[in-house]
């Protein structure tokens, strides 16, 4: 069954808003230090930005086109933001996730590069 990238991007976007709200309200109520709340906010922010990017790529290139860009953006959001969420919630229990964060960031960068290399300026502006 093919991946519905529009659904993936939409759900990741919705989750980023929910996680952002929880970070702004729920974490503070639990006494989580402000620096960790800021880290959580960064994770939610990156997740939202890349959710929108995923939707844009899917809109411009539906189907199997730009599969590398879409896959890398999704993997990057999962690893980067997901590892930060877990590390903020319970750093001792999830300390193994520490190295996952930079891997996720690398996947996000690679997704953007895959998009740039894959398009090579071939996007025609529509009027």
C-alpha atoms as a PDB file:
ATOM      1  CA  UNK A   1       0.000   0.000   0.000  1.00  0.00           C
ATOM      2  CA  UNK A   2       1.511   3.373  -0.985  1.00  0.00           C
ATOM      3  CA  UNK A   3       2.171   6.002   1.646  1.00  0.00           C
ATOM      4  CA  UNK A   4      -0.310   8.861   1.708  1.00  0.00           C
ATOM      5  CA  UNK A   5       2.184  11.684   2.239  1.00  0.00           C
ATOM      6  CA  UNK A   6      -0.555  14.278   2.554  1.00  0.00           C
ATOM      7  CA  UNK A   7      -1.957  12.389   5.538  1.00  0.00           C
ATOM      8  CA  UNK A   8       1.509  11.974   7.084  1.00  0.00           C
ATOM      9  CA  UNK A   9       2.271  15.693   6.759  1.00  0.00           C
ATOM     10  CA  UNK A  10      -1.138  16.691   8.071  1.00  0.00           C
ATOM     11  CA  UNK A  11      -0.934  14.405  11.106  1.00  0.00           C
ATOM     12  CA  UNK A  12       2.625  15.486  11.910  1.00  0.00           C
ATOM     13  CA  UNK A  13       1.459  19.105  11.665  1.00  0.00           C
ATOM     14  CA  UNK A  14      -1.478  18.489  13.997  1.00  0.00           C
ATOM     15  CA  UNK A  15       0.779  16.654  16.430  1.00  0.00           C
ATOM     16  CA  UNK A  16       3.272  19.532  16.435  1.00  0.00           C
ATOM     17  CA  UNK A  17       0.550  21.972  17.484  1.00  0.00           C
ATOM     18  CA  UNK A  18      -0.640  19.597  20.217  1.00  0.00           C
ATOM     19  CA  UNK A  19       2.923  18.994  21.437  1.00  0.00           C
ATOM     20  CA  UNK A  20       3.628  22.728  21.359  1.00  0.00           C
ATOM     21  CA  UNK A  21       0.550  23.442  23.472  1.00  0.00           C
ATOM     22  CA  UNK A  22       1.480  20.703  25.919  1.00  0.00           C
ATOM     23  CA  UNK A  23       4.991  22.126  26.150  1.00  0.00           C
ATOM     24  CA  UNK A  24       3.740  25.638  26.799  1.00  0.00           C
ATOM     25  CA  UNK A  25       1.195  24.619  29.405  1.00  0.00           C
ATOM     26  CA  UNK A  26       1.607  21.047  30.613  1.00  0.00           C
ATOM     27  CA  UNK A  27       5.367  21.027  31.084  1.00  0.00           C
ATOM     28  CA  UNK A  28       5.412  24.281  33.011  1.00  0.00           C
ATOM     29  CA  UNK A  29       2.659  22.973  35.292  1.00  0.00           C
ATOM     30  CA  UNK A  30       4.834  19.928  36.009  1.00  0.00           C
ATOM     31  CA  UNK A  31       7.762  22.083  37.073  1.00  0.00           C
ATOM     32  CA  UNK A  32       9.973  21.244  34.095  1.00  0.00           C
ATOM     33  CA  UNK A  33      12.873  23.737  33.920  1.00  0.00           C
ATOM     34  CA  UNK A  34      12.478  26.588  31.435  1.00  0.00           C
ATOM     35  CA  UNK A  35      15.490  25.453  29.359  1.00  0.00           C
ATOM     36  CA  UNK A  36      13.880  22.069  28.775  1.00  0.00           C
ATOM     37  CA  UNK A  37      10.567  23.718  27.915  1.00  0.00           C
ATOM     38  CA  UNK A  38      12.489  25.764  25.324  1.00  0.00           C
ATOM     39  CA  UNK A  39      13.998  22.565  23.897  1.00  0.00           C
ATOM     40  CA  UNK A  40      10.503  21.102  23.626  1.00  0.00           C
ATOM     41  CA  UNK A  41       9.370  24.259  21.827  1.00  0.00           C
ATOM     42  CA  UNK A  42      12.238  23.910  19.353  1.00  0.00           C
ATOM     43  CA  UNK A  43      11.208  20.319  18.625  1.00  0.00           C
ATOM     44  CA  UNK A  44       7.583  21.343  18.047  1.00  0.00           C
ATOM     45  CA  UNK A  45       8.675  24.281  15.877  1.00  0.00           C
ATOM     46  CA  UNK A  46      10.909  22.117  13.659  1.00  0.00           C
ATOM     47  CA  UNK A  47       8.182  19.496  13.401  1.00  0.00           C
ATOM     48  CA  UNK A  48       5.655  22.090  12.247  1.00  0.00           C
ATOM     49  CA  UNK A  49       7.989  23.669   9.695  1.00  0.00           C
ATOM     50  CA  UNK A  50       8.901  20.311   8.206  1.00  0.00           C
ATOM     51  CA  UNK A  51       5.281  19.147   8.201  1.00  0.00           C
ATOM     52  CA  UNK A  52       4.436  22.121   6.017  1.00  0.00           C
ATOM     53  CA  UNK A  53       7.474  21.391   3.835  1.00  0.00           C
ATOM     54  CA  UNK A  54       6.312  17.790   3.439  1.00  0.00           C
ATOM     55  CA  UNK A  55       2.853  18.995   2.383  1.00  0.00           C
ATOM     56  CA  UNK A  56       4.416  21.397  -0.123  1.00  0.00           C
ATOM     57  CA  UNK A  57       6.612  18.673  -1.606  1.00  0.00           C
ATOM     58  CA  UNK A  58       3.644  16.318  -1.860  1.00  0.00           C
ATOM     59  CA  UNK A  59       1.554  19.017  -3.522  1.00  0.00           C
ATOM     60  CA  UNK A  60       4.260  19.809  -6.075  1.00  0.00           C
ATOM     61  CA  UNK A  61       5.358  16.191  -6.559  1.00  0.00           C
ATOM     62  CA  UNK A  62       2.571  13.697  -5.792  1.00  0.00           C
ATOM     63  CA  UNK A  63       3.122   9.974  -5.994  1.00  0.00           C
ATOM     64  CA  UNK A  64       6.605   8.536  -6.113  1.00  0.00           C
ATOM     65  CA  UNK A  65       8.280  11.741  -7.198  1.00  0.00           C
ATOM     66  CA  UNK A  66      10.678  13.104  -4.598  1.00  0.00           C
ATOM     67  CA  UNK A  67      10.350   9.967  -2.468  1.00  0.00           C
ATOM     68  CA  UNK A  68      13.786  10.574  -0.972  1.00  0.00           C
ATOM     69  CA  UNK A  69      12.939  14.110   0.100  1.00  0.00           C
ATOM     70  CA  UNK A  70       9.609  13.068   1.615  1.00  0.00           C
ATOM     71  CA  UNK A  71      11.089  10.034   3.364  1.00  0.00           C
ATOM     72  CA  UNK A  72      14.049  11.942   4.786  1.00  0.00           C
ATOM     73  CA  UNK A  73      11.869  14.804   6.033  1.00  0.00           C
ATOM     74  CA  UNK A  74       9.541  12.348   7.768  1.00  0.00           C
ATOM     75  CA  UNK A  75      12.386  10.332   9.288  1.00  0.00           C
ATOM     76  CA  UNK A  76      14.105  13.527  10.380  1.00  0.00           C
ATOM     77  CA  UNK A  77      10.996  14.873  12.098  1.00  0.00           C
ATOM     78  CA  UNK A  78      10.479  11.575  13.868  1.00  0.00           C
ATOM     79  CA  UNK A  79      14.065  11.258  15.058  1.00  0.00           C
ATOM     80  CA  UNK A  80      14.863  14.914  15.776  1.00  0.00           C
ATOM     81  CA  UNK A  81      11.643  16.041  17.418  1.00  0.00           C
ATOM     82  CA  UNK A  82      10.750  12.648  18.868  1.00  0.00           C
ATOM     83  CA  UNK A  83      14.076  12.235  20.627  1.00  0.00           C
ATOM     84  CA  UNK A  84      13.863  15.736  22.101  1.00  0.00           C
ATOM     85  CA  UNK A  85      10.336  15.114  23.376  1.00  0.00           C
ATOM     86  CA  UNK A  86      11.465  11.915  25.089  1.00  0.00           C
ATOM     87  CA  UNK A  87      14.622  13.480  26.525  1.00  0.00           C
ATOM     88  CA  UNK A  88      12.659  16.375  28.015  1.00  0.00           C
ATOM     89  CA  UNK A  89      10.045  14.071  29.551  1.00  0.00           C
ATOM     90  CA  UNK A  90      12.503  11.626  31.127  1.00  0.00           C
ATOM     91  CA  UNK A  91      16.201  12.208  30.393  1.00  0.00           C
ATOM     92  CA  UNK A  92      17.399   9.278  32.487  1.00  0.00           C
ATOM     93  CA  UNK A  93      15.042   6.718  31.014  1.00  0.00           C
ATOM     94  CA  UNK A  94      15.580   7.884  27.422  1.00  0.00           C
ATOM     95  CA  UNK A  95      19.272   8.860  27.548  1.00  0.00           C
ATOM     96  CA  UNK A  96      19.892   6.369  24.741  1.00  0.00           C
ATOM     97  CA  UNK A  97      17.964   8.798  22.490  1.00  0.00           C
ATOM     98  CA  UNK A  98      20.646  11.495  22.827  1.00  0.00           C
ATOM     99  CA  UNK A  99      22.552  10.443  19.682  1.00  0.00           C
ATOM    100  CA  UNK A 100      19.298  10.183  17.721  1.00  0.00           C
ATOM    101  CA  UNK A 101      18.732  13.950  17.784  1.00  0.00           C
ATOM    102  CA  UNK A 102      21.683  14.862  15.522  1.00  0.00           C
ATOM    103  CA  UNK A 103      20.849  11.942  13.232  1.00  0.00           C
ATOM    104  CA  UNK A 104      17.357  13.379  12.874  1.00  0.00           C
ATOM    105  CA  UNK A 105      18.779  16.817  12.150  1.00  0.00           C
ATOM    106  CA  UNK A 106      21.032  15.284   9.513  1.00  0.00           C
ATOM    107  CA  UNK A 107      18.011  13.564   7.930  1.00  0.00           C
ATOM    108  CA  UNK A 108      16.169  16.903   7.805  1.00  0.00           C
ATOM    109  CA  UNK A 109      19.130  18.547   6.082  1.00  0.00           C
ATOM    110  CA  UNK A 110      19.401  15.605   3.689  1.00  0.00           C
ATOM    111  CA  UNK A 111      15.693  15.932   2.875  1.00  0.00           C
ATOM    112  CA  UNK A 112      16.180  19.545   1.839  1.00  0.00           C
ATOM    113  CA  UNK A 113      19.255  18.595  -0.206  1.00  0.00           C
ATOM    114  CA  UNK A 114      17.346  15.736  -1.861  1.00  0.00           C
ATOM    115  CA  UNK A 115      14.660  18.220  -2.818  1.00  0.00           C
ATOM    116  CA  UNK A 116      17.203  20.678  -4.219  1.00  0.00           C
ATOM    117  CA  UNK A 117      19.112  18.040  -6.160  1.00  0.00           C
ATOM    118  CA  UNK A 118      15.946  16.382  -7.403  1.00  0.00           C
ATOM    119  CA  UNK A 119      14.409  19.569  -8.770  1.00  0.00           C
ATOM    120  CA  UNK A 120      17.532  21.265 -10.179  1.00  0.00           C
ATOM    121  CA  UNK A 121      15.541  24.366 -10.981  1.00  0.00           C
ATOM    122  CA  UNK A 122      12.902  22.543 -13.004  1.00  0.00           C
ATOM    123  CA  UNK A 123       9.927  23.944 -11.123  1.00  0.00           C
ATOM    124  CA  UNK A 124       7.906  26.121 -13.450  1.00  0.00           C
ATOM    125  CA  UNK A 125       6.037  28.977 -11.854  1.00  0.00           C
ATOM    126  CA  UNK A 126       2.327  28.695 -12.500  1.00  0.00           C
ATOM    127  CA  UNK A 127       0.178  31.734 -12.988  1.00  0.00           C
END
